[in-house]
Amino acid sequence: MEAKGERRLEILLIEDNQNDVELFLNVVDWINMGDQVRVFLDGREALDFLHGKGSYKEAPGSLPSVVFIDLKMPLISGHEVLKAIRKDKRTKTLPIVVFTSSDQEADIGETYKSGVNSYVVKPVQFEKFAETIRDLINYWRNVNTPPGSFIHDG
């Protein structure tokens, strides 16, 4: 088993804002720890990937280490994606971080009731935004103890 500091993350980023996607990917490159990021610009495609449906029927069934999701997205909102992930026995324990611009109490409350692991409001200032992404990735890679593959089996 790898030591916590040696763990590589497989990150699923569900974000429709291309600028936020680019910044997220730049931060991952900057910290250069070998983390892999798969980006989905809408929740529908992300759910297809996670549940092995649509064009992902033949895709390998491994789950990401952590999911970062925005709430305000086209087609399917982040709230709906979160609920769909938690309803499926294979993905119900998948670590999920809501990373959004909304600081509304209703959004925060609804996501925690739906089973989110962490709720982070995106900082407006560029440097703080990048710092927050770095800190979140470091937390999920080096501090958090993941549930392990056994828990996803049902």
N, C-alpha and C. Protein backbone atom coordinates (compact mmCIF):
# COMPACT_ATOMS: atom_id res chain seq x y z
N MET A 1 0.84 -1.18 0.00
CA MET A 1 0.00 0.00 0.00
C MET A 1 0.89 1.25 0.00
N GLU A 2 0.52 2.24 -0.80
CA GLU A 2 1.29 3.47 -0.88
C GLU A 2 1.09 4.30 0.38
N ALA A 3 2.12 5.03 0.76
CA ALA A 3 1.98 5.99 1.84
C ALA A 3 1.06 7.10 1.38
N LYS A 4 0.42 7.76 2.32
CA LYS A 4 -0.53 8.81 1.93
C LYS A 4 0.08 9.85 1.02
N GLY A 5 1.31 10.29 1.28
CA GLY A 5 1.95 11.32 0.48
C GLY A 5 2.29 10.87 -0.93
N GLU A 6 2.28 9.57 -1.19
CA GLU A 6 2.63 9.04 -2.50
C GLU A 6 1.39 8.75 -3.36
N ARG A 7 0.24 8.88 -2.81
CA ARG A 7 -0.99 8.55 -3.51
C ARG A 7 -1.23 9.53 -4.66
N ARG A 8 -1.69 9.02 -5.77
CA ARG A 8 -2.07 9.85 -6.92
C ARG A 8 -3.59 9.88 -6.96
N LEU A 9 -4.12 11.04 -7.28
CA LEU A 9 -5.57 11.16 -7.37
C LEU A 9 -6.04 11.01 -8.80
N GLU A 10 -7.16 10.37 -8.93
CA GLU A 10 -7.91 10.39 -10.19
C GLU A 10 -9.11 11.27 -9.89
N ILE A 11 -9.10 12.46 -10.47
CA ILE A 11 -10.10 13.48 -10.17
C ILE A 11 -11.10 13.56 -11.31
N LEU A 12 -12.37 13.62 -10.95
CA LEU A 12 -13.42 13.88 -11.92
C LEU A 12 -13.90 15.30 -11.67
N LEU A 13 -13.73 16.18 -12.65
CA LEU A 13 -14.15 17.57 -12.54
C LEU A 13 -15.37 17.78 -13.42
N ILE A 14 -16.48 18.18 -12.80
CA ILE A 14 -17.72 18.46 -13.52
C ILE A 14 -17.95 19.96 -13.41
N GLU A 15 -17.64 20.66 -14.48
CA GLU A 15 -17.61 22.13 -14.47
C GLU A 15 -17.89 22.65 -15.88
N ASP A 16 -18.86 23.56 -16.00
CA ASP A 16 -19.21 24.09 -17.32
C ASP A 16 -18.48 25.38 -17.68
N ASN A 17 -17.80 26.00 -16.72
CA ASN A 17 -17.08 27.25 -16.99
C ASN A 17 -15.66 26.91 -17.47
N GLN A 18 -15.39 27.18 -18.75
CA GLN A 18 -14.10 26.81 -19.34
C GLN A 18 -12.92 27.49 -18.64
N ASN A 19 -13.09 28.73 -18.19
CA ASN A 19 -12.01 29.41 -17.47
C ASN A 19 -11.68 28.70 -16.16
N ASP A 20 -12.71 28.26 -15.45
CA ASP A 20 -12.48 27.53 -14.20
C ASP A 20 -11.83 26.18 -14.46
N VAL A 21 -12.22 25.52 -15.56
CA VAL A 21 -11.60 24.24 -15.94
C VAL A 21 -10.11 24.45 -16.21
N GLU A 22 -9.79 25.47 -17.01
CA GLU A 22 -8.39 25.72 -17.35
C GLU A 22 -7.57 26.04 -16.12
N LEU A 23 -8.11 26.83 -15.21
CA LEU A 23 -7.38 27.15 -13.99
C LEU A 23 -7.17 25.90 -13.14
N PHE A 24 -8.18 25.09 -13.01
CA PHE A 24 -8.07 23.85 -12.25
C PHE A 24 -6.96 22.98 -12.83
N LEU A 25 -6.97 22.80 -14.16
CA LEU A 25 -5.95 21.97 -14.81
C LEU A 25 -4.56 22.58 -14.67
N ASN A 26 -4.46 23.90 -14.74
CA ASN A 26 -3.16 24.56 -14.56
C ASN A 26 -2.61 24.34 -13.16
N VAL A 27 -3.49 24.38 -12.16
CA VAL A 27 -3.05 24.14 -10.79
C VAL A 27 -2.56 22.69 -10.63
N VAL A 28 -3.28 21.75 -11.22
CA VAL A 28 -2.86 20.34 -11.16
C VAL A 28 -1.48 20.19 -11.80
N ASP A 29 -1.26 20.84 -12.95
CA ASP A 29 0.06 20.79 -13.59
C ASP A 29 1.12 21.45 -12.70
N TRP A 30 0.77 22.56 -12.09
CA TRP A 30 1.69 23.33 -11.26
C TRP A 30 2.18 22.51 -10.06
N ILE A 31 1.27 21.80 -9.40
CA ILE A 31 1.69 21.02 -8.23
C ILE A 31 2.38 19.72 -8.65
N ASN A 32 2.20 19.29 -9.88
CA ASN A 32 2.98 18.23 -10.51
C ASN A 32 3.16 16.98 -9.65
N MET A 33 2.06 16.40 -9.22
CA MET A 33 2.13 15.18 -8.42
C MET A 33 1.59 13.95 -9.16
N GLY A 34 1.36 14.09 -10.45
CA GLY A 34 0.89 12.96 -11.23
C GLY A 34 -0.60 12.71 -11.14
N ASP A 35 -1.34 13.66 -10.58
CA ASP A 35 -2.79 13.50 -10.50
C ASP A 35 -3.39 13.55 -11.91
N GLN A 36 -4.42 12.77 -12.12
CA GLN A 36 -5.11 12.72 -13.40
C GLN A 36 -6.48 13.37 -13.26
N VAL A 37 -6.85 14.20 -14.22
CA VAL A 37 -8.15 14.87 -14.17
C VAL A 37 -8.93 14.53 -15.42
N ARG A 38 -10.15 14.08 -15.22
CA ARG A 38 -11.09 13.86 -16.32
C ARG A 38 -12.15 14.94 -16.18
N VAL A 39 -12.37 15.70 -17.25
CA VAL A 39 -13.28 16.84 -17.21
C VAL A 39 -14.57 16.54 -17.97
N PHE A 40 -15.67 16.90 -17.36
CA PHE A 40 -16.97 16.84 -18.02
C PHE A 40 -17.60 18.22 -17.91
N LEU A 41 -18.11 18.73 -19.02
CA LEU A 41 -18.69 20.06 -19.05
C LEU A 41 -20.17 20.06 -18.68
N ASP A 42 -20.74 18.88 -18.52
CA ASP A 42 -22.13 18.79 -18.06
C ASP A 42 -22.33 17.53 -17.23
N GLY A 43 -23.34 17.57 -16.39
CA GLY A 43 -23.61 16.48 -15.47
C GLY A 43 -24.10 15.21 -16.13
N ARG A 44 -24.81 15.33 -17.23
CA ARG A 44 -25.35 14.14 -17.90
C ARG A 44 -24.24 13.22 -18.36
N GLU A 45 -23.23 13.80 -19.02
CA GLU A 45 -22.12 12.97 -19.51
C GLU A 45 -21.33 12.39 -18.33
N ALA A 46 -21.15 13.17 -17.29
CA ALA A 46 -20.42 12.68 -16.12
C ALA A 46 -21.15 11.48 -15.49
N LEU A 47 -22.47 11.56 -15.39
CA LEU A 47 -23.23 10.44 -14.84
C LEU A 47 -23.15 9.22 -15.75
N ASP A 48 -23.19 9.42 -17.07
CA ASP A 48 -23.02 8.30 -17.99
C ASP A 48 -21.68 7.62 -17.74
N PHE A 49 -20.63 8.42 -17.56
CA PHE A 49 -19.31 7.86 -17.30
C PHE A 49 -19.30 7.07 -15.99
N LEU A 50 -19.80 7.67 -14.92
CA LEU A 50 -19.77 7.02 -13.61
C LEU A 50 -20.61 5.75 -13.56
N HIS A 51 -21.69 5.73 -14.31
CA HIS A 51 -22.60 4.59 -14.28
C HIS A 51 -22.43 3.65 -15.47
N GLY A 52 -21.42 3.91 -16.31
CA GLY A 52 -21.14 3.03 -17.44
C GLY A 52 -22.28 2.95 -18.44
N LYS A 53 -22.85 4.11 -18.78
CA LYS A 53 -23.97 4.14 -19.72
C LYS A 53 -23.59 4.93 -20.96
N GLY A 54 -24.46 4.90 -21.97
CA GLY A 54 -24.24 5.67 -23.19
C GLY A 54 -22.93 5.29 -23.85
N SER A 55 -22.15 6.30 -24.21
CA SER A 55 -20.88 6.04 -24.89
C SER A 55 -19.82 5.47 -23.96
N TYR A 56 -20.14 5.30 -22.67
CA TYR A 56 -19.18 4.76 -21.70
C TYR A 56 -19.50 3.33 -21.28
N LYS A 57 -20.37 2.66 -22.03
CA LYS A 57 -20.72 1.27 -21.70
C LYS A 57 -19.51 0.36 -21.69
N GLU A 58 -18.57 0.62 -22.60
CA GLU A 58 -17.39 -0.22 -22.72
C GLU A 58 -16.21 0.29 -21.90
N ALA A 59 -16.38 1.40 -21.22
CA ALA A 59 -15.27 2.00 -20.45
C ALA A 59 -14.97 1.16 -19.22
N PRO A 60 -13.71 1.18 -18.78
CA PRO A 60 -13.36 0.47 -17.54
C PRO A 60 -14.19 1.00 -16.38
N GLY A 61 -14.51 0.15 -15.46
CA GLY A 61 -15.40 0.52 -14.37
C GLY A 61 -14.77 1.14 -13.15
N SER A 62 -13.54 1.60 -13.22
CA SER A 62 -12.92 2.17 -12.02
C SER A 62 -13.49 3.55 -11.71
N LEU A 63 -13.61 3.83 -10.43
CA LEU A 63 -14.15 5.11 -9.99
C LEU A 63 -13.02 6.08 -9.69
N PRO A 64 -13.28 7.38 -9.82
CA PRO A 64 -12.26 8.37 -9.47
C PRO A 64 -12.03 8.40 -7.97
N SER A 65 -10.92 9.03 -7.57
CA SER A 65 -10.62 9.19 -6.15
C SER A 65 -11.55 10.20 -5.50
N VAL A 66 -11.89 11.26 -6.26
CA VAL A 66 -12.72 12.34 -5.74
C VAL A 66 -13.39 13.05 -6.92
N VAL A 67 -14.58 13.56 -6.68
CA VAL A 67 -15.33 14.32 -7.69
C VAL A 67 -15.44 15.76 -7.22
N PHE A 68 -15.09 16.69 -8.10
CA PHE A 68 -15.32 18.11 -7.87
C PHE A 68 -16.45 18.53 -8.80
N ILE A 69 -17.48 19.16 -8.25
CA ILE A 69 -18.64 19.48 -9.06
C ILE A 69 -19.14 20.89 -8.78
N ASP A 70 -19.49 21.58 -9.85
CA ASP A 70 -20.13 22.88 -9.75
C ASP A 70 -21.64 22.65 -9.62
N LEU A 71 -22.35 23.56 -9.00
CA LEU A 71 -23.80 23.39 -8.86
C LEU A 71 -24.58 23.91 -10.06
N LYS A 72 -24.19 25.06 -10.57
CA LYS A 72 -24.96 25.73 -11.62
C LYS A 72 -24.44 25.29 -12.99
N MET A 73 -25.09 24.29 -13.57
CA MET A 73 -24.68 23.75 -14.86
C MET A 73 -25.88 23.52 -15.76
N PRO A 74 -25.62 23.49 -17.08
CA PRO A 74 -26.72 23.20 -18.01
C PRO A 74 -27.09 21.71 -17.98
N LEU A 75 -28.22 21.39 -18.55
CA LEU A 75 -28.76 20.03 -18.68
C LEU A 75 -29.15 19.43 -17.34
N ILE A 76 -28.18 19.14 -16.50
CA ILE A 76 -28.45 18.57 -15.18
C ILE A 76 -27.66 19.38 -14.16
N SER A 77 -28.31 19.89 -13.15
CA SER A 77 -27.62 20.70 -12.14
C SER A 77 -26.70 19.83 -11.28
N GLY A 78 -25.80 20.49 -10.60
CA GLY A 78 -24.93 19.78 -9.67
C GLY A 78 -25.70 19.08 -8.57
N HIS A 79 -26.80 19.70 -8.14
CA HIS A 79 -27.66 19.06 -7.12
C HIS A 79 -28.17 17.72 -7.62
N GLU A 80 -28.65 17.70 -8.86
CA GLU A 80 -29.20 16.47 -9.43
C GLU A 80 -28.12 15.41 -9.63
N VAL A 81 -26.93 15.84 -10.06
CA VAL A 81 -25.82 14.91 -10.23
C VAL A 81 -25.45 14.29 -8.89
N LEU A 82 -25.35 15.11 -7.85
CA LEU A 82 -25.03 14.61 -6.52
C LEU A 82 -26.04 13.57 -6.06
N LYS A 83 -27.32 13.87 -6.23
CA LYS A 83 -28.37 12.92 -5.81
C LYS A 83 -28.28 11.62 -6.59
N ALA A 84 -28.00 11.69 -7.90
CA ALA A 84 -27.89 10.49 -8.73
C ALA A 84 -26.68 9.65 -8.31
N ILE A 85 -25.59 10.30 -7.97
CA ILE A 85 -24.40 9.58 -7.51
C ILE A 85 -24.69 8.86 -6.20
N ARG A 86 -25.37 9.53 -5.28
CA ARG A 86 -25.66 8.94 -3.97
C ARG A 86 -26.72 7.83 -4.05
N LYS A 87 -27.58 7.84 -5.06
CA LYS A 87 -28.61 6.80 -5.19
C LYS A 87 -28.04 5.48 -5.68
N ASP A 88 -26.95 5.51 -6.42
CA ASP A 88 -26.37 4.31 -7.01
C ASP A 88 -25.47 3.62 -5.98
N LYS A 89 -25.68 2.33 -5.74
CA LYS A 89 -24.91 1.64 -4.70
C LYS A 89 -23.42 1.60 -5.01
N ARG A 90 -23.05 1.63 -6.27
CA ARG A 90 -21.64 1.59 -6.65
C ARG A 90 -20.92 2.92 -6.37
N THR A 91 -21.65 4.04 -6.45
CA THR A 91 -21.02 5.36 -6.32
C THR A 91 -21.44 6.11 -5.05
N LYS A 92 -22.26 5.49 -4.21
CA LYS A 92 -22.81 6.23 -3.08
C LYS A 92 -21.78 6.71 -2.07
N THR A 93 -20.61 6.07 -2.01
CA THR A 93 -19.58 6.51 -1.06
C THR A 93 -18.47 7.32 -1.73
N LEU A 94 -18.61 7.58 -3.00
CA LEU A 94 -17.61 8.35 -3.75
C LEU A 94 -17.43 9.73 -3.12
N PRO A 95 -16.21 10.12 -2.77
CA PRO A 95 -16.01 11.45 -2.19
C PRO A 95 -16.36 12.56 -3.19
N ILE A 96 -17.19 13.50 -2.74
CA ILE A 96 -17.65 14.59 -3.60
C ILE A 96 -17.43 15.93 -2.92
N VAL A 97 -16.82 16.85 -3.68
CA VAL A 97 -16.62 18.22 -3.23
C VAL A 97 -17.42 19.13 -4.15
N VAL A 98 -18.36 19.87 -3.58
CA VAL A 98 -19.03 20.91 -4.36
C VAL A 98 -18.09 22.11 -4.36
N PHE A 99 -17.72 22.56 -5.55
CA PHE A 99 -16.82 23.70 -5.72
C PHE A 99 -17.57 24.67 -6.62
N THR A 100 -18.19 25.67 -6.00
CA THR A 100 -19.17 26.49 -6.70
C THR A 100 -19.07 27.95 -6.28
N SER A 101 -19.69 28.82 -7.05
CA SER A 101 -19.71 30.24 -6.70
C SER A 101 -20.86 30.57 -5.75
N SER A 102 -21.78 29.65 -5.56
CA SER A 102 -22.94 29.91 -4.71
C SER A 102 -22.60 29.81 -3.22
N ASP A 103 -22.92 30.90 -2.51
CA ASP A 103 -22.78 30.87 -1.05
C ASP A 103 -24.15 30.91 -0.38
N GLN A 104 -25.18 30.54 -1.14
CA GLN A 104 -26.55 30.55 -0.64
C GLN A 104 -26.78 29.42 0.37
N GLU A 105 -27.37 29.78 1.51
CA GLU A 105 -27.64 28.79 2.55
C GLU A 105 -28.47 27.62 2.03
N ALA A 106 -29.43 27.90 1.15
CA ALA A 106 -30.27 26.83 0.61
C ALA A 106 -29.45 25.82 -0.18
N ASP A 107 -28.50 26.31 -0.98
CA ASP A 107 -27.63 25.40 -1.75
C ASP A 107 -26.75 24.58 -0.82
N ILE A 108 -26.17 25.25 0.15
CA ILE A 108 -25.28 24.56 1.10
C ILE A 108 -26.06 23.48 1.85
N GLY A 109 -27.22 23.84 2.38
CA GLY A 109 -28.03 22.87 3.13
C GLY A 109 -28.48 21.70 2.28
N GLU A 110 -28.94 22.00 1.06
CA GLU A 110 -29.43 20.93 0.18
C GLU A 110 -28.32 19.95 -0.17
N THR A 111 -27.12 20.46 -0.45
CA THR A 111 -26.04 19.55 -0.84
C THR A 111 -25.61 18.67 0.33
N TYR A 112 -25.55 19.24 1.53
CA TYR A 112 -25.18 18.39 2.67
C TYR A 112 -26.26 17.36 2.97
N LYS A 113 -27.53 17.73 2.82
CA LYS A 113 -28.62 16.75 3.00
C LYS A 113 -28.53 15.64 1.97
N SER A 114 -27.99 15.97 0.79
CA SER A 114 -27.86 14.98 -0.29
C SER A 114 -26.59 14.15 -0.19
N GLY A 115 -25.73 14.46 0.77
CA GLY A 115 -24.57 13.60 1.01
C GLY A 115 -23.24 14.09 0.49
N VAL A 116 -23.08 15.40 0.26
CA VAL A 116 -21.79 15.91 -0.18
C VAL A 116 -20.78 15.79 0.97
N ASN A 117 -19.51 15.59 0.62
CA ASN A 117 -18.47 15.49 1.64
C ASN A 117 -17.90 16.85 2.03
N SER A 118 -17.92 17.80 1.09
CA SER A 118 -17.35 19.11 1.36
C SER A 118 -18.00 20.13 0.43
N TYR A 119 -18.19 21.33 0.94
CA TYR A 119 -18.79 22.42 0.16
C TYR A 119 -17.83 23.59 0.23
N VAL A 120 -17.32 24.02 -0.93
CA VAL A 120 -16.34 25.10 -0.99
C VAL A 120 -16.83 26.16 -1.96
N VAL A 121 -16.87 27.40 -1.48
CA VAL A 121 -17.25 28.52 -2.34
C VAL A 121 -15.99 28.99 -3.07
N LYS A 122 -16.09 29.08 -4.40
CA LYS A 122 -14.95 29.51 -5.21
C LYS A 122 -14.56 30.94 -4.86
N PRO A 123 -13.29 31.15 -4.51
CA PRO A 123 -12.84 32.52 -4.26
C PRO A 123 -12.87 33.33 -5.56
N VAL A 124 -13.10 34.62 -5.44
CA VAL A 124 -13.16 35.50 -6.60
C VAL A 124 -11.76 35.87 -7.08
N GLN A 125 -10.86 36.12 -6.14
CA GLN A 125 -9.49 36.52 -6.49
C GLN A 125 -8.73 35.34 -7.09
N PHE A 126 -8.05 35.59 -8.21
CA PHE A 126 -7.33 34.56 -8.96
C PHE A 126 -6.37 33.75 -8.09
N GLU A 127 -5.49 34.43 -7.35
CA GLU A 127 -4.48 33.74 -6.56
C GLU A 127 -5.13 32.87 -5.48
N LYS A 128 -6.17 33.37 -4.84
CA LYS A 128 -6.86 32.61 -3.80
C LYS A 128 -7.59 31.41 -4.41
N PHE A 129 -8.14 31.60 -5.61
CA PHE A 129 -8.81 30.51 -6.33
C PHE A 129 -7.82 29.37 -6.56
N ALA A 130 -6.65 29.70 -7.10
CA ALA A 130 -5.62 28.69 -7.37
C ALA A 130 -5.14 28.03 -6.08
N GLU A 131 -4.94 28.83 -5.04
CA GLU A 131 -4.51 28.31 -3.74
C GLU A 131 -5.54 27.33 -3.17
N THR A 132 -6.80 27.66 -3.31
CA THR A 132 -7.87 26.80 -2.80
C THR A 132 -7.88 25.46 -3.52
N ILE A 133 -7.74 25.48 -4.83
CA ILE A 133 -7.69 24.23 -5.59
C ILE A 133 -6.50 23.39 -5.12
N ARG A 134 -5.35 24.03 -5.00
CA ARG A 134 -4.14 23.32 -4.54
C ARG A 134 -4.38 22.69 -3.17
N ASP A 135 -4.95 23.47 -2.25
CA ASP A 135 -5.19 22.96 -0.91
C ASP A 135 -6.19 21.81 -0.90
N LEU A 136 -7.23 21.91 -1.70
CA LEU A 136 -8.22 20.83 -1.78
C LEU A 136 -7.59 19.55 -2.32
N ILE A 137 -6.81 19.68 -3.38
CA ILE A 137 -6.16 18.49 -3.94
C ILE A 137 -5.19 17.89 -2.94
N ASN A 138 -4.42 18.72 -2.28
CA ASN A 138 -3.49 18.22 -1.26
C ASN A 138 -4.24 17.52 -0.13
N TYR A 139 -5.38 18.08 0.27
CA TYR A 139 -6.17 17.43 1.31
C TYR A 139 -6.61 16.03 0.88
N TRP A 140 -7.21 15.93 -0.29
CA TRP A 140 -7.75 14.64 -0.74
C TRP A 140 -6.64 13.64 -1.05
N ARG A 141 -5.45 14.13 -1.40
CA ARG A 141 -4.33 13.22 -1.69
C ARG A 141 -3.57 12.83 -0.43
N ASN A 142 -3.31 13.78 0.47
CA ASN A 142 -2.37 13.56 1.55
C ASN A 142 -2.96 13.48 2.95
N VAL A 143 -4.14 14.05 3.16
CA VAL A 143 -4.70 14.10 4.51
C VAL A 143 -5.86 13.11 4.66
N ASN A 144 -6.79 13.12 3.74
CA ASN A 144 -7.97 12.26 3.83
C ASN A 144 -7.60 10.79 3.67
N THR A 145 -8.29 9.95 4.41
CA THR A 145 -8.17 8.51 4.23
C THR A 145 -9.36 8.06 3.38
N PRO A 146 -9.09 7.53 2.17
CA PRO A 146 -10.19 7.14 1.28
C PRO A 146 -10.93 5.91 1.80
N PRO A 147 -12.16 5.72 1.32
CA PRO A 147 -12.96 4.61 1.80
C PRO A 147 -12.40 3.25 1.38
N GLY A 148 -11.58 3.19 0.35
CA GLY A 148 -11.04 1.92 -0.12
C GLY A 148 -11.99 1.27 -1.11
N SER A 149 -11.46 0.42 -1.93
CA SER A 149 -12.27 -0.18 -3.00
C SER A 149 -13.34 -1.12 -2.44
N PHE A 150 -13.12 -1.70 -1.26
CA PHE A 150 -14.08 -2.65 -0.70
C PHE A 150 -15.45 -2.02 -0.47
N ILE A 151 -15.49 -0.75 -0.14
CA ILE A 151 -16.75 -0.13 0.22
C ILE A 151 -17.64 0.12 -1.00
N HIS A 152 -17.05 0.21 -2.20
CA HIS A 152 -17.83 0.46 -3.40
C HIS A 152 -18.62 -0.77 -3.86
N ASP A 153 -18.29 -1.93 -3.31
CA ASP A 153 -18.93 -3.16 -3.76
C ASP A 153 -20.38 -3.29 -3.31
N GLY A 154 -20.83 -2.46 -2.45
CA GLY A 154 -22.23 -2.53 -2.10
C GLY A 154 -22.48 -2.45 -0.67
